[in-house]
């Protein structure tokens, strides 16, 4: 369902690409609009996608992009949230120290690395909590059941080491899990791999829910034997999920979990840490900013429900 522009000057940067994993998970045809089309081209691309049977198109538009109300109405569109990417550099050879970056001396919950294996129900529940401001939760045209299942899959595959390189948990005095954070080493932009992949693991079809929301796509992971010898080492630690149980909040567990990621990243020679959240998630934004993260970019997250009957009263594509 790739829908390129007829305008050759914009074809390379404006296209609707199919998202196989999302389509299978939600049971509808899902695509993502890549590029920065002007209004006329945006209308053409969405019209072509609708004619091609696409149900919903995601678009991550630049923060200052003004999207005409008429186009939103015409294509069942809505800006569901604003996605903010945070970035923090790590001091070479030492763990970054910033406001809130040290574990509280009176914090009784130790942070431990989780051994790879099946995720228990507590971790699955925390994963769903982490998605409270997710676009899939905010946009009620997605099934609440599918939203929950999406985050449970994310945690399940993270705990198994499929889409995360490490999972750290905070344990309370009773041995219960109080919080969790997942992290992966992200390849640098210059890394060259023989197959599309996110990391070097046995060659298997690996449909993957996104890291940081917005990179939903089919992933085929390359084995070490398939990696080009000139591949650059991972340069960045990328946080996936972060959640602290409601009864444990305000005790410094969030910053302690971030500190665990710092130590993990420094131990692997990584130069920075990134994380994606929603600007509407004010508590998360405060946590990251107190820990020394800076805003790297902000995008408007748009969902266009192309087959949506605006006046039908139904909650789903027609």
Protein backbone atom coordinates (compact mmCIF):
# COMPACT_ATOMS: atom_id res chain seq x y z
CA UNK A 1 0.00 0.00 0.00
CA UNK A 2 2.87 2.38 -0.65
CA UNK A 3 1.31 5.58 -2.00
CA UNK A 4 3.99 7.83 -3.50
CA UNK A 5 3.41 11.34 -4.67
CA UNK A 6 2.98 12.06 -8.39
CA UNK A 7 5.04 15.16 -7.76
CA UNK A 8 8.52 13.81 -8.45
CA UNK A 9 10.25 16.52 -6.45
CA UNK A 10 8.38 15.41 -3.34
CA UNK A 11 8.17 11.67 -4.04
CA UNK A 12 11.27 10.78 -2.04
CA UNK A 13 10.10 12.61 1.08
CA UNK A 14 6.31 12.18 1.03
CA UNK A 15 4.86 8.69 0.92
CA UNK A 16 2.39 6.50 2.80
CA UNK A 17 3.99 3.21 3.76
CA UNK A 18 2.14 0.14 5.09
CA UNK A 19 2.73 -1.00 8.66
CA UNK A 20 2.34 -4.75 8.74
CA UNK A 21 2.63 -5.28 12.49
CA UNK A 22 0.07 -2.60 13.33
CA UNK A 23 -2.31 -3.87 10.64
CA UNK A 24 -2.19 -7.39 12.03
CA UNK A 25 -2.49 -6.27 15.64
CA UNK A 26 -5.43 -3.89 15.18
CA UNK A 27 -7.13 -5.92 12.45
CA UNK A 28 -7.32 -2.97 10.04
CA UNK A 29 -5.12 -1.55 7.29
CA UNK A 30 -2.60 0.87 8.87
CA UNK A 31 -0.07 3.13 7.17
CA UNK A 32 2.36 5.86 8.13
CA UNK A 33 2.84 9.09 6.20
CA UNK A 34 6.52 9.88 5.91
CA UNK A 35 7.77 13.29 4.91
CA UNK A 36 6.53 16.87 5.11
CA UNK A 37 4.01 17.41 2.30
CA UNK A 38 2.31 20.73 1.68
CA UNK A 39 -1.47 20.90 2.00
CA UNK A 40 -2.19 19.95 -1.61
CA UNK A 41 0.14 16.97 -1.52
CA UNK A 42 -1.17 15.90 1.88
CA UNK A 43 -4.71 15.84 0.48
CA UNK A 44 -3.57 13.84 -2.55
CA UNK A 45 -1.68 11.27 -0.46
CA UNK A 46 -4.59 10.76 1.93
CA UNK A 47 -7.07 10.52 -0.94
CA UNK A 48 -4.94 7.88 -2.64
CA UNK A 49 -4.51 5.95 0.61
CA UNK A 50 -8.27 6.01 1.19
CA UNK A 51 -8.93 4.79 -2.34
CA UNK A 52 -6.38 2.04 -1.77
CA UNK A 53 -8.34 0.73 1.21
CA UNK A 54 -6.19 2.08 4.02
CA UNK A 55 -8.16 2.52 7.24
CA UNK A 56 -5.87 4.73 9.32
CA UNK A 57 -2.71 6.73 8.62
CA UNK A 58 -0.29 7.96 11.27
CA UNK A 59 1.62 11.17 10.65
CA UNK A 60 4.25 12.75 12.88
CA UNK A 61 4.13 16.36 11.77
CA UNK A 62 6.66 19.02 12.72
CA UNK A 63 5.65 20.96 15.81
CA UNK A 64 4.86 24.23 14.02
CA UNK A 65 3.08 22.68 11.03
CA UNK A 66 -0.40 24.18 10.69
CA UNK A 67 -2.81 21.48 9.50
CA UNK A 68 -6.00 22.92 7.97
CA UNK A 69 -9.14 22.06 9.90
CA UNK A 70 -10.82 21.24 6.61
CA UNK A 71 -8.28 18.53 5.83
CA UNK A 72 -8.64 17.04 9.28
CA UNK A 73 -12.40 16.94 8.89
CA UNK A 74 -12.25 15.55 5.35
CA UNK A 75 -10.06 12.61 6.34
CA UNK A 76 -11.23 11.85 9.88
CA UNK A 77 -8.06 13.41 11.23
CA UNK A 78 -7.08 14.54 14.71
CA UNK A 79 -3.93 15.68 16.45
CA UNK A 80 -4.11 13.15 19.28
CA UNK A 81 -1.01 14.24 21.21
CA UNK A 82 2.38 15.92 20.94
CA UNK A 83 5.33 13.56 21.01
CA UNK A 84 8.47 14.90 22.70
CA UNK A 85 11.89 13.33 22.32
CA UNK A 86 14.29 13.99 25.20
CA UNK A 87 18.04 13.58 24.99
CA UNK A 88 20.83 13.71 27.56
CA UNK A 89 24.54 13.42 26.99
CA UNK A 90 26.52 11.16 29.32
CA UNK A 91 29.85 12.42 30.66
CA UNK A 92 32.68 10.23 29.37
CA UNK A 93 33.90 7.78 31.97
CA UNK A 94 31.48 8.79 34.68
CA UNK A 95 27.79 8.62 35.42
CA UNK A 96 26.02 11.89 34.72
CA UNK A 97 25.10 13.74 37.90
CA UNK A 98 22.22 16.18 37.69
CA UNK A 99 19.23 17.21 39.74
CA UNK A 100 17.52 14.06 40.86
CA UNK A 101 19.99 11.79 39.08
CA UNK A 102 21.39 10.24 42.28
CA UNK A 103 19.44 7.63 44.14
CA UNK A 104 17.98 8.96 47.37
CA UNK A 105 20.00 7.85 50.38
CA UNK A 106 16.80 7.05 52.27
CA UNK A 107 15.25 5.08 49.42
CA UNK A 108 14.75 1.51 50.59
CA UNK A 109 13.86 -0.02 47.22
CA UNK A 110 16.90 -1.51 45.49
CA UNK A 111 17.19 -1.44 41.70
CA UNK A 112 18.02 -4.80 40.19
CA UNK A 113 18.53 -6.07 36.65
CA UNK A 114 15.79 -8.47 35.62
CA UNK A 115 16.91 -11.81 34.25
CA UNK A 116 15.51 -12.56 30.82
CA UNK A 117 12.33 -14.59 30.92
CA UNK A 118 8.53 -14.32 30.84
CA UNK A 119 7.06 -11.13 32.28
CA UNK A 120 4.81 -11.56 35.31
CA UNK A 121 1.42 -9.91 35.65
CA UNK A 122 2.84 -7.05 37.74
CA UNK A 123 5.22 -6.06 34.95
CA UNK A 124 2.41 -6.28 32.40
CA UNK A 125 0.24 -4.01 34.54
CA UNK A 126 3.08 -1.50 34.92
CA UNK A 127 3.59 -1.51 31.16
CA UNK A 128 -0.06 -0.58 30.65
CA UNK A 129 0.34 2.19 33.26
CA UNK A 130 3.30 3.50 31.24
CA UNK A 131 0.95 3.99 28.30
CA UNK A 132 -1.63 6.08 30.14
CA UNK A 133 -0.95 9.04 27.82
CA UNK A 134 -0.21 6.94 24.76
CA UNK A 135 -1.81 7.96 21.48
CA UNK A 136 -3.39 4.52 21.34
CA UNK A 137 -5.09 5.23 24.67
CA UNK A 138 -5.99 8.85 23.90
CA UNK A 139 -7.48 8.02 20.49
CA UNK A 140 -10.63 6.17 21.54
CA UNK A 141 -11.16 4.90 18.01
CA UNK A 142 -8.63 2.21 18.91
CA UNK A 143 -9.97 -0.67 20.96
CA UNK A 144 -9.05 -0.37 24.68
CA UNK A 145 -8.38 -4.10 24.62
CA UNK A 146 -5.92 -3.70 21.74
CA UNK A 147 -4.22 -0.81 23.51
CA UNK A 148 -3.66 -2.90 26.61
CA UNK A 149 -2.53 -5.88 24.59
CA UNK A 150 -0.04 -3.70 22.71
CA UNK A 151 1.71 -2.62 25.89
CA UNK A 152 1.63 -6.11 27.34
CA UNK A 153 3.36 -7.37 24.19
CA UNK A 154 5.90 -4.56 24.49
CA UNK A 155 6.76 -5.62 28.03
CA UNK A 156 6.70 -9.33 27.23
CA UNK A 157 9.17 -8.93 24.39
CA UNK A 158 11.32 -6.55 26.43
CA UNK A 159 11.58 -9.03 29.32
CA UNK A 160 12.56 -11.75 26.85
CA UNK A 161 15.34 -9.54 25.48
CA UNK A 162 13.81 -9.27 22.03
CA UNK A 163 13.31 -5.49 21.88
CA UNK A 164 15.21 -4.40 24.99
CA UNK A 165 18.78 -5.07 26.05
CA UNK A 166 18.11 -4.61 29.76
CA UNK A 167 15.16 -4.35 32.14
CA UNK A 168 15.62 -2.87 35.62
CA UNK A 169 13.07 -3.14 38.40
CA UNK A 170 12.69 -1.42 41.76
CA UNK A 171 11.91 -3.89 44.57
CA UNK A 172 10.17 -2.84 47.79
CA UNK A 173 10.84 -4.23 51.26
CA UNK A 174 8.31 -7.02 50.73
CA UNK A 175 9.96 -8.16 47.53
CA UNK A 176 7.25 -6.71 45.31
CA UNK A 177 7.98 -4.84 42.08
CA UNK A 178 7.52 -1.10 42.60
CA UNK A 179 8.70 0.18 39.23
CA UNK A 180 10.34 -0.79 35.97
CA UNK A 181 12.41 0.67 33.14
CA UNK A 182 13.50 -0.90 29.84
CA UNK A 183 16.44 0.19 27.72
CA UNK A 184 18.11 -0.75 24.45
CA UNK A 185 21.36 0.23 22.76
CA UNK A 186 20.45 2.16 19.65
CA UNK A 187 22.60 1.94 16.52
CA UNK A 188 24.11 5.19 15.31
CA UNK A 189 22.68 6.72 12.17
CA UNK A 190 25.78 5.68 10.19
CA UNK A 191 25.55 1.99 11.08
CA UNK A 192 25.46 -0.24 8.00
CA UNK A 193 23.70 -3.60 8.27
CA UNK A 194 22.97 -6.11 5.54
CA UNK A 195 19.33 -6.47 6.63
CA UNK A 196 16.90 -3.98 8.12
CA UNK A 197 17.33 -4.46 11.87
CA UNK A 198 17.45 -2.79 15.25
CA UNK A 199 20.10 -4.98 16.79
CA UNK A 200 22.21 -8.08 16.12
CA UNK A 201 20.25 -11.20 17.01
CA UNK A 202 19.42 -14.51 15.30
CA UNK A 203 17.77 -13.99 11.94
CA UNK A 204 14.05 -14.39 12.58
CA UNK A 205 10.94 -12.49 11.53
CA UNK A 206 10.36 -10.25 14.50
CA UNK A 207 7.26 -8.03 14.21
CA UNK A 208 7.87 -5.39 16.80
CA UNK A 209 5.79 -2.84 18.65
CA UNK A 210 7.51 0.49 18.60
CA UNK A 211 10.25 1.74 20.81
CA UNK A 212 9.17 5.18 22.08
CA UNK A 213 5.99 5.18 19.97
CA UNK A 214 6.36 6.10 16.38
CA UNK A 215 8.58 3.43 14.94
CA UNK A 216 5.94 0.75 14.47
CA UNK A 217 7.18 -1.47 11.67
CA UNK A 218 8.13 -5.01 10.80
CA UNK A 219 11.65 -5.74 12.03
CA UNK A 220 13.84 -8.51 10.69
CA UNK A 221 16.81 -8.78 13.01
CA UNK A 222 20.20 -9.62 11.53
CA UNK A 223 22.43 -12.23 13.13
CA UNK A 224 26.02 -11.26 14.03
CA UNK A 225 27.18 -13.08 10.91
CA UNK A 226 25.04 -10.80 8.78
CA UNK A 227 26.37 -7.55 10.17
CA UNK A 228 28.79 -5.62 8.03
CA UNK A 229 32.27 -5.38 9.53
CA UNK A 230 32.11 -1.59 9.35
CA UNK A 231 29.00 -1.23 11.48
CA UNK A 232 29.40 1.55 14.03
CA UNK A 233 28.93 0.55 17.66
CA UNK A 234 25.66 1.61 19.29
CA UNK A 235 26.01 5.21 20.37
CA UNK A 236 22.87 5.80 22.38
CA UNK A 237 20.79 4.20 25.11
CA UNK A 238 17.11 4.38 24.28
CA UNK A 239 14.56 4.10 27.10
CA UNK A 240 11.41 2.21 26.11
CA UNK A 241 9.05 1.83 29.06
CA UNK A 242 9.22 3.55 32.43
CA UNK A 243 6.57 3.17 35.12
CA UNK A 244 6.31 3.39 38.91
CA UNK A 245 3.33 1.94 40.75
CA UNK A 246 0.89 4.57 41.99
CA UNK A 247 1.46 3.64 45.64
CA UNK A 248 5.23 4.16 45.29
CA UNK A 249 5.33 7.52 43.55
CA UNK A 250 7.06 10.48 45.15
CA UNK A 251 9.83 8.32 46.66
CA UNK A 252 12.52 8.92 44.04
CA UNK A 253 12.09 5.60 42.27
CA UNK A 254 11.79 7.19 38.84
CA UNK A 255 15.13 8.96 39.18
CA UNK A 256 16.70 5.83 40.65
CA UNK A 257 15.59 3.83 37.63
CA UNK A 258 17.06 6.51 35.35
CA UNK A 259 20.30 6.26 37.33
CA UNK A 260 20.38 2.50 36.66
CA UNK A 261 20.12 3.22 32.94
CA UNK A 262 22.96 5.76 33.24
CA UNK A 263 25.22 3.18 34.85
CA UNK A 264 24.28 0.56 32.28
CA UNK A 265 24.92 2.97 29.39
CA UNK A 266 28.28 4.15 30.74
CA UNK A 267 29.38 0.56 31.20
CA UNK A 268 28.78 0.00 27.50
CA UNK A 269 30.49 3.16 26.32
CA UNK A 270 27.31 4.83 25.14
CA UNK A 271 27.40 8.59 24.75
CA UNK A 272 23.79 9.60 25.37
CA UNK A 273 20.34 8.53 26.56
CA UNK A 274 17.09 9.27 24.75
CA UNK A 275 13.45 8.78 25.67
CA UNK A 276 10.15 9.60 23.99
CA UNK A 277 7.00 10.61 25.85
CA UNK A 278 3.98 12.81 25.36
CA UNK A 279 4.10 16.52 26.12
CA UNK A 280 0.73 16.06 27.80
CA UNK A 281 2.36 13.67 30.29
CA UNK A 282 3.50 16.48 32.54
CA UNK A 283 4.76 14.28 35.37
CA UNK A 284 7.06 12.35 33.02
CA UNK A 285 8.32 15.56 31.41
CA UNK A 286 9.16 17.01 34.83
CA UNK A 287 11.02 13.84 35.79
CA UNK A 288 13.19 13.88 32.67
CA UNK A 289 13.89 17.60 32.82
CA UNK A 290 14.91 17.38 36.50
CA UNK A 291 17.26 14.57 35.53
CA UNK A 292 19.02 16.79 32.99
CA UNK A 293 17.29 15.77 29.77
CA UNK A 294 16.73 18.42 27.13
CA UNK A 295 14.05 18.57 24.48
CA UNK A 296 15.46 17.31 21.20
CA UNK A 297 12.30 17.63 19.11
CA UNK A 298 8.53 17.82 19.34
CA UNK A 299 6.10 16.35 16.81
CA UNK A 300 2.36 16.54 16.41
CA UNK A 301 0.94 13.02 16.29
CA UNK A 302 -1.92 12.88 13.79
CA UNK A 303 -4.26 9.97 13.12
CA UNK A 304 -6.33 10.04 9.94
CA UNK A 305 -9.20 7.54 9.99
CA UNK A 306 -9.83 7.44 6.27
CA UNK A 307 -12.86 5.14 6.30
CA UNK A 308 -14.41 6.75 9.37
CA UNK A 309 -18.09 7.70 9.30
CA UNK A 310 -18.01 10.96 11.25
CA UNK A 311 -21.79 11.08 11.69
CA UNK A 312 -22.48 7.38 12.05
CA UNK A 313 -22.00 7.23 15.81
CA UNK A 314 -19.94 4.07 15.44
CA UNK A 315 -16.59 3.70 17.18
CA UNK A 316 -14.50 2.20 14.44
CA UNK A 317 -13.84 2.22 10.73
CA UNK A 318 -16.87 1.65 8.57
